Amino acid sequence: GRKASLRELYYALCTHPAFAGCTQAVVNNALADVATLLRCPRHCLGVVAAGRGAVAGNLILREGGTTAAVDCSDRGAGGHAISGDIEALLRSEIVACDAQALLVIEKDATFQQLVEAR
């Protein structure tokens, strides 16, 4: 089925007259309430995190649902964008990797500087 980020859901709802004046926080809280009532995680409702992560380095990755492998070593300073779709991430596989360490960088600007400096 179709998936949407929290922000996409907000924009879809705020254009409907019944939800005029609705805020992102209200949509987030309502979705959390629905997920709690149904006793299921948000991604089971088709709402996924926005793709805000990236990966770079000596890694070849095959993302869930695709047959093409992605070489993450030649993606430039921005790296390769990681999907916010948890189900797709769980179906992904590492084809090849010779990394000796993994760094998790919170700030995108810092990530880009490190990728450029390598």
C-alpha atoms as a PDB file:
ATOM      1  CA  GLY A   1       0.000   0.000   0.000  1.00  0.00           C
ATOM      2  CA  ARG A   2       0.872   3.652  -0.163  1.00  0.00           C
ATOM      3  CA  LYS A   3       3.061   5.106   2.566  1.00  0.00           C
ATOM      4  CA  ALA A   4       3.354   8.712   3.720  1.00  0.00           C
ATOM      5  CA  SER A   5       5.581  10.651   6.089  1.00  0.00           C
ATOM      6  CA  LEU A   6       4.112  12.507   9.055  1.00  0.00           C
ATOM      7  CA  ARG A   7       4.609  15.753   7.175  1.00  0.00           C
ATOM      8  CA  GLU A   8       2.847  14.418   4.058  1.00  0.00           C
ATOM      9  CA  LEU A   9      -0.068  13.300   6.220  1.00  0.00           C
ATOM     10  CA  TYR A  10      -0.249  16.753   7.798  1.00  0.00           C
ATOM     11  CA  TYR A  11      -0.289  18.498   4.407  1.00  0.00           C
ATOM     12  CA  ALA A  12      -2.954  16.128   3.090  1.00  0.00           C
ATOM     13  CA  LEU A  13      -5.166  16.780   6.112  1.00  0.00           C
ATOM     14  CA  CYS A  14      -4.661  20.539   6.404  1.00  0.00           C
ATOM     15  CA  THR A  15      -6.043  21.079   2.895  1.00  0.00           C
ATOM     16  CA  HIS A  16      -9.365  19.502   3.928  1.00  0.00           C
ATOM     17  CA  PRO A  17     -11.943  21.989   5.331  1.00  0.00           C
ATOM     18  CA  ALA A  18     -12.714  19.745   8.325  1.00  0.00           C
ATOM     19  CA  PHE A  19      -9.110  20.100   9.498  1.00  0.00           C
ATOM     20  CA  ALA A  20      -8.678  23.852   8.965  1.00  0.00           C
ATOM     21  CA  GLY A  21      -6.253  25.298  11.495  1.00  0.00           C
ATOM     22  CA  CYS A  22      -4.853  21.900  12.368  1.00  0.00           C
ATOM     23  CA  THR A  23      -1.178  21.841  13.403  1.00  0.00           C
ATOM     24  CA  GLN A  24       1.561  19.252  12.889  1.00  0.00           C
ATOM     25  CA  ALA A  25       1.535  18.549  16.633  1.00  0.00           C
ATOM     26  CA  VAL A  26      -2.210  17.792  16.579  1.00  0.00           C
ATOM     27  CA  VAL A  27      -1.751  15.375  13.656  1.00  0.00           C
ATOM     28  CA  ASN A  28       1.214  13.688  15.389  1.00  0.00           C
ATOM     29  CA  ASN A  29      -0.750  13.260  18.633  1.00  0.00           C
ATOM     30  CA  ALA A  30      -3.862  11.985  16.836  1.00  0.00           C
ATOM     31  CA  LEU A  31      -1.803   9.426  14.931  1.00  0.00           C
ATOM     32  CA  ALA A  32      -0.127   8.290  18.151  1.00  0.00           C
ATOM     33  CA  ASP A  33      -3.579   7.880  19.731  1.00  0.00           C
ATOM     34  CA  VAL A  34      -4.836   5.830  16.767  1.00  0.00           C
ATOM     35  CA  ALA A  35      -1.738   3.604  16.863  1.00  0.00           C
ATOM     36  CA  THR A  36      -2.224   3.086  20.609  1.00  0.00           C
ATOM     37  CA  LEU A  37      -5.920   2.246  20.213  1.00  0.00           C
ATOM     38  CA  LEU A  38      -5.154  -0.250  17.446  1.00  0.00           C
ATOM     39  CA  ARG A  39      -2.117  -1.574  19.344  1.00  0.00           C
ATOM     40  CA  CYS A  40       0.136  -1.341  16.330  1.00  0.00           C
ATOM     41  CA  PRO A  41       3.219   0.687  15.454  1.00  0.00           C
ATOM     42  CA  ARG A  42       2.868   3.776  13.288  1.00  0.00           C
ATOM     43  CA  HIS A  43       4.576   2.170  10.277  1.00  0.00           C
ATOM     44  CA  CYS A  44       1.827  -0.505  10.185  1.00  0.00           C
ATOM     45  CA  LEU A  45      -0.600   2.346   9.492  1.00  0.00           C
ATOM     46  CA  GLY A  46       1.478   3.359   6.473  1.00  0.00           C
ATOM     47  CA  VAL A  47       3.028   6.395   8.150  1.00  0.00           C
ATOM     48  CA  VAL A  48       6.808   6.336   8.047  1.00  0.00           C
ATOM     49  CA  ALA A  49       9.590   8.603   9.188  1.00  0.00           C
ATOM     50  CA  ALA A  50      10.831  11.047   6.608  1.00  0.00           C
ATOM     51  CA  GLY A  51      14.035   9.955   4.920  1.00  0.00           C
ATOM     52  CA  ARG A  52      16.527  12.170   6.677  1.00  0.00           C
ATOM     53  CA  GLY A  53      19.462   9.860   7.024  1.00  0.00           C
ATOM     54  CA  ALA A  54      22.348   9.161   4.700  1.00  0.00           C
ATOM     55  CA  VAL A  55      25.145   6.647   4.370  1.00  0.00           C
ATOM     56  CA  ALA A  56      28.582   6.997   2.787  1.00  0.00           C
ATOM     57  CA  GLY A  57      31.696   4.885   2.610  1.00  0.00           C
ATOM     58  CA  ASN A  58      32.948   1.532   1.386  1.00  0.00           C
ATOM     59  CA  LEU A  59      29.553  -0.099   1.327  1.00  0.00           C
ATOM     60  CA  ILE A  60      27.429  -1.630  -1.406  1.00  0.00           C
ATOM     61  CA  LEU A  61      23.799  -1.806  -0.383  1.00  0.00           C
ATOM     62  CA  ARG A  62      20.714  -3.396  -1.917  1.00  0.00           C
ATOM     63  CA  GLU A  63      17.668  -1.630  -0.570  1.00  0.00           C
ATOM     64  CA  GLY A  64      14.466  -3.531   0.208  1.00  0.00           C
ATOM     65  CA  GLY A  65      12.250  -4.068  -2.799  1.00  0.00           C
ATOM     66  CA  THR A  66      14.958  -3.288  -5.365  1.00  0.00           C
ATOM     67  CA  THR A  67      17.319  -5.442  -7.383  1.00  0.00           C
ATOM     68  CA  ALA A  68      19.950  -2.786  -8.117  1.00  0.00           C
ATOM     69  CA  ALA A  69      22.865  -2.418  -5.724  1.00  0.00           C
ATOM     70  CA  VAL A  70      23.992   1.048  -4.623  1.00  0.00           C
ATOM     71  CA  ASP A  71      27.694   1.839  -4.264  1.00  0.00           C
ATOM     72  CA  CYS A  72      27.773   4.257  -1.329  1.00  0.00           C
ATOM     73  CA  SER A  73      31.425   5.179  -1.912  1.00  0.00           C
ATOM     74  CA  ASP A  74      30.701   7.402  -4.913  1.00  0.00           C
ATOM     75  CA  ARG A  75      27.706   9.449  -3.750  1.00  0.00           C
ATOM     76  CA  GLY A  76      29.446  12.756  -3.035  1.00  0.00           C
ATOM     77  CA  ALA A  77      29.257  14.850   0.121  1.00  0.00           C
ATOM     78  CA  GLY A  78      25.544  14.215   0.629  1.00  0.00           C
ATOM     79  CA  GLY A  79      25.989  10.450   0.731  1.00  0.00           C
ATOM     80  CA  HIS A  80      23.192   8.084  -0.250  1.00  0.00           C
ATOM     81  CA  ALA A  81      19.780   8.949   1.229  1.00  0.00           C
ATOM     82  CA  ILE A  82      18.309   6.322   3.530  1.00  0.00           C
ATOM     83  CA  SER A  83      14.578   5.672   3.388  1.00  0.00           C
ATOM     84  CA  GLY A  84      12.418   6.409   6.395  1.00  0.00           C
ATOM     85  CA  ASP A  85      10.409   3.271   5.579  1.00  0.00           C
ATOM     86  CA  ILE A  86      11.251   0.791   8.350  1.00  0.00           C
ATOM     87  CA  GLU A  87       9.884  -2.174   6.379  1.00  0.00           C
ATOM     88  CA  ALA A  88      12.125  -1.342   3.396  1.00  0.00           C
ATOM     89  CA  LEU A  89      15.139  -0.944   5.692  1.00  0.00           C
ATOM     90  CA  LEU A  90      14.500  -4.346   7.238  1.00  0.00           C
ATOM     91  CA  ARG A  91      14.452  -5.922   3.759  1.00  0.00           C
ATOM     92  CA  SER A  92      17.727  -4.231   2.753  1.00  0.00           C
ATOM     93  CA  GLU A  93      20.968  -6.159   2.556  1.00  0.00           C
ATOM     94  CA  ILE A  94      24.644  -5.315   2.626  1.00  0.00           C
ATOM     95  CA  VAL A  95      26.202  -6.736  -0.540  1.00  0.00           C
ATOM     96  CA  ALA A  96      29.776  -5.767   0.316  1.00  0.00           C
ATOM     97  CA  CYS A  97      31.453  -3.791   3.081  1.00  0.00           C
ATOM     98  CA  ASP A  98      35.043  -3.457   4.215  1.00  0.00           C
ATOM     99  CA  ALA A  99      34.463  -0.791   6.852  1.00  0.00           C
ATOM    100  CA  GLN A 100      36.322  -1.171  10.127  1.00  0.00           C
ATOM    101  CA  ALA A 101      33.993   1.139  12.047  1.00  0.00           C
ATOM    102  CA  LEU A 102      30.576   2.749  11.916  1.00  0.00           C
ATOM    103  CA  LEU A 103      30.017   6.397  12.795  1.00  0.00           C
ATOM    104  CA  VAL A 104      26.545   7.731  13.501  1.00  0.00           C
ATOM    105  CA  ILE A 105      26.478  11.481  12.895  1.00  0.00           C
ATOM    106  CA  GLU A 106      23.473  13.488  14.066  1.00  0.00           C
ATOM    107  CA  LYS A 107      24.096  16.749  12.217  1.00  0.00           C
ATOM    108  CA  ASP A 108      23.958  16.742   8.417  1.00  0.00           C
ATOM    109  CA  ALA A 109      26.560  19.508   8.062  1.00  0.00           C
ATOM    110  CA  THR A 110      29.047  17.489  10.133  1.00  0.00           C
ATOM    111  CA  PHE A 111      28.273  14.373   8.074  1.00  0.00           C
ATOM    112  CA  GLN A 112      28.943  16.269   4.837  1.00  0.00           C
ATOM    113  CA  GLN A 113      32.240  17.667   6.163  1.00  0.00           C
ATOM    114  CA  LEU A 114      33.434  14.198   7.164  1.00  0.00           C
ATOM    115  CA  VAL A 115      32.469  12.700   3.795  1.00  0.00           C
ATOM    116  CA  GLU A 116      34.292  15.493   1.946  1.00  0.00           C
ATOM    117  CA  ALA A 117      37.392  15.043   4.122  1.00  0.00           C
ATOM    118  CA  ARG A 118      37.756  11.287   3.642  1.00  0.00           C
END
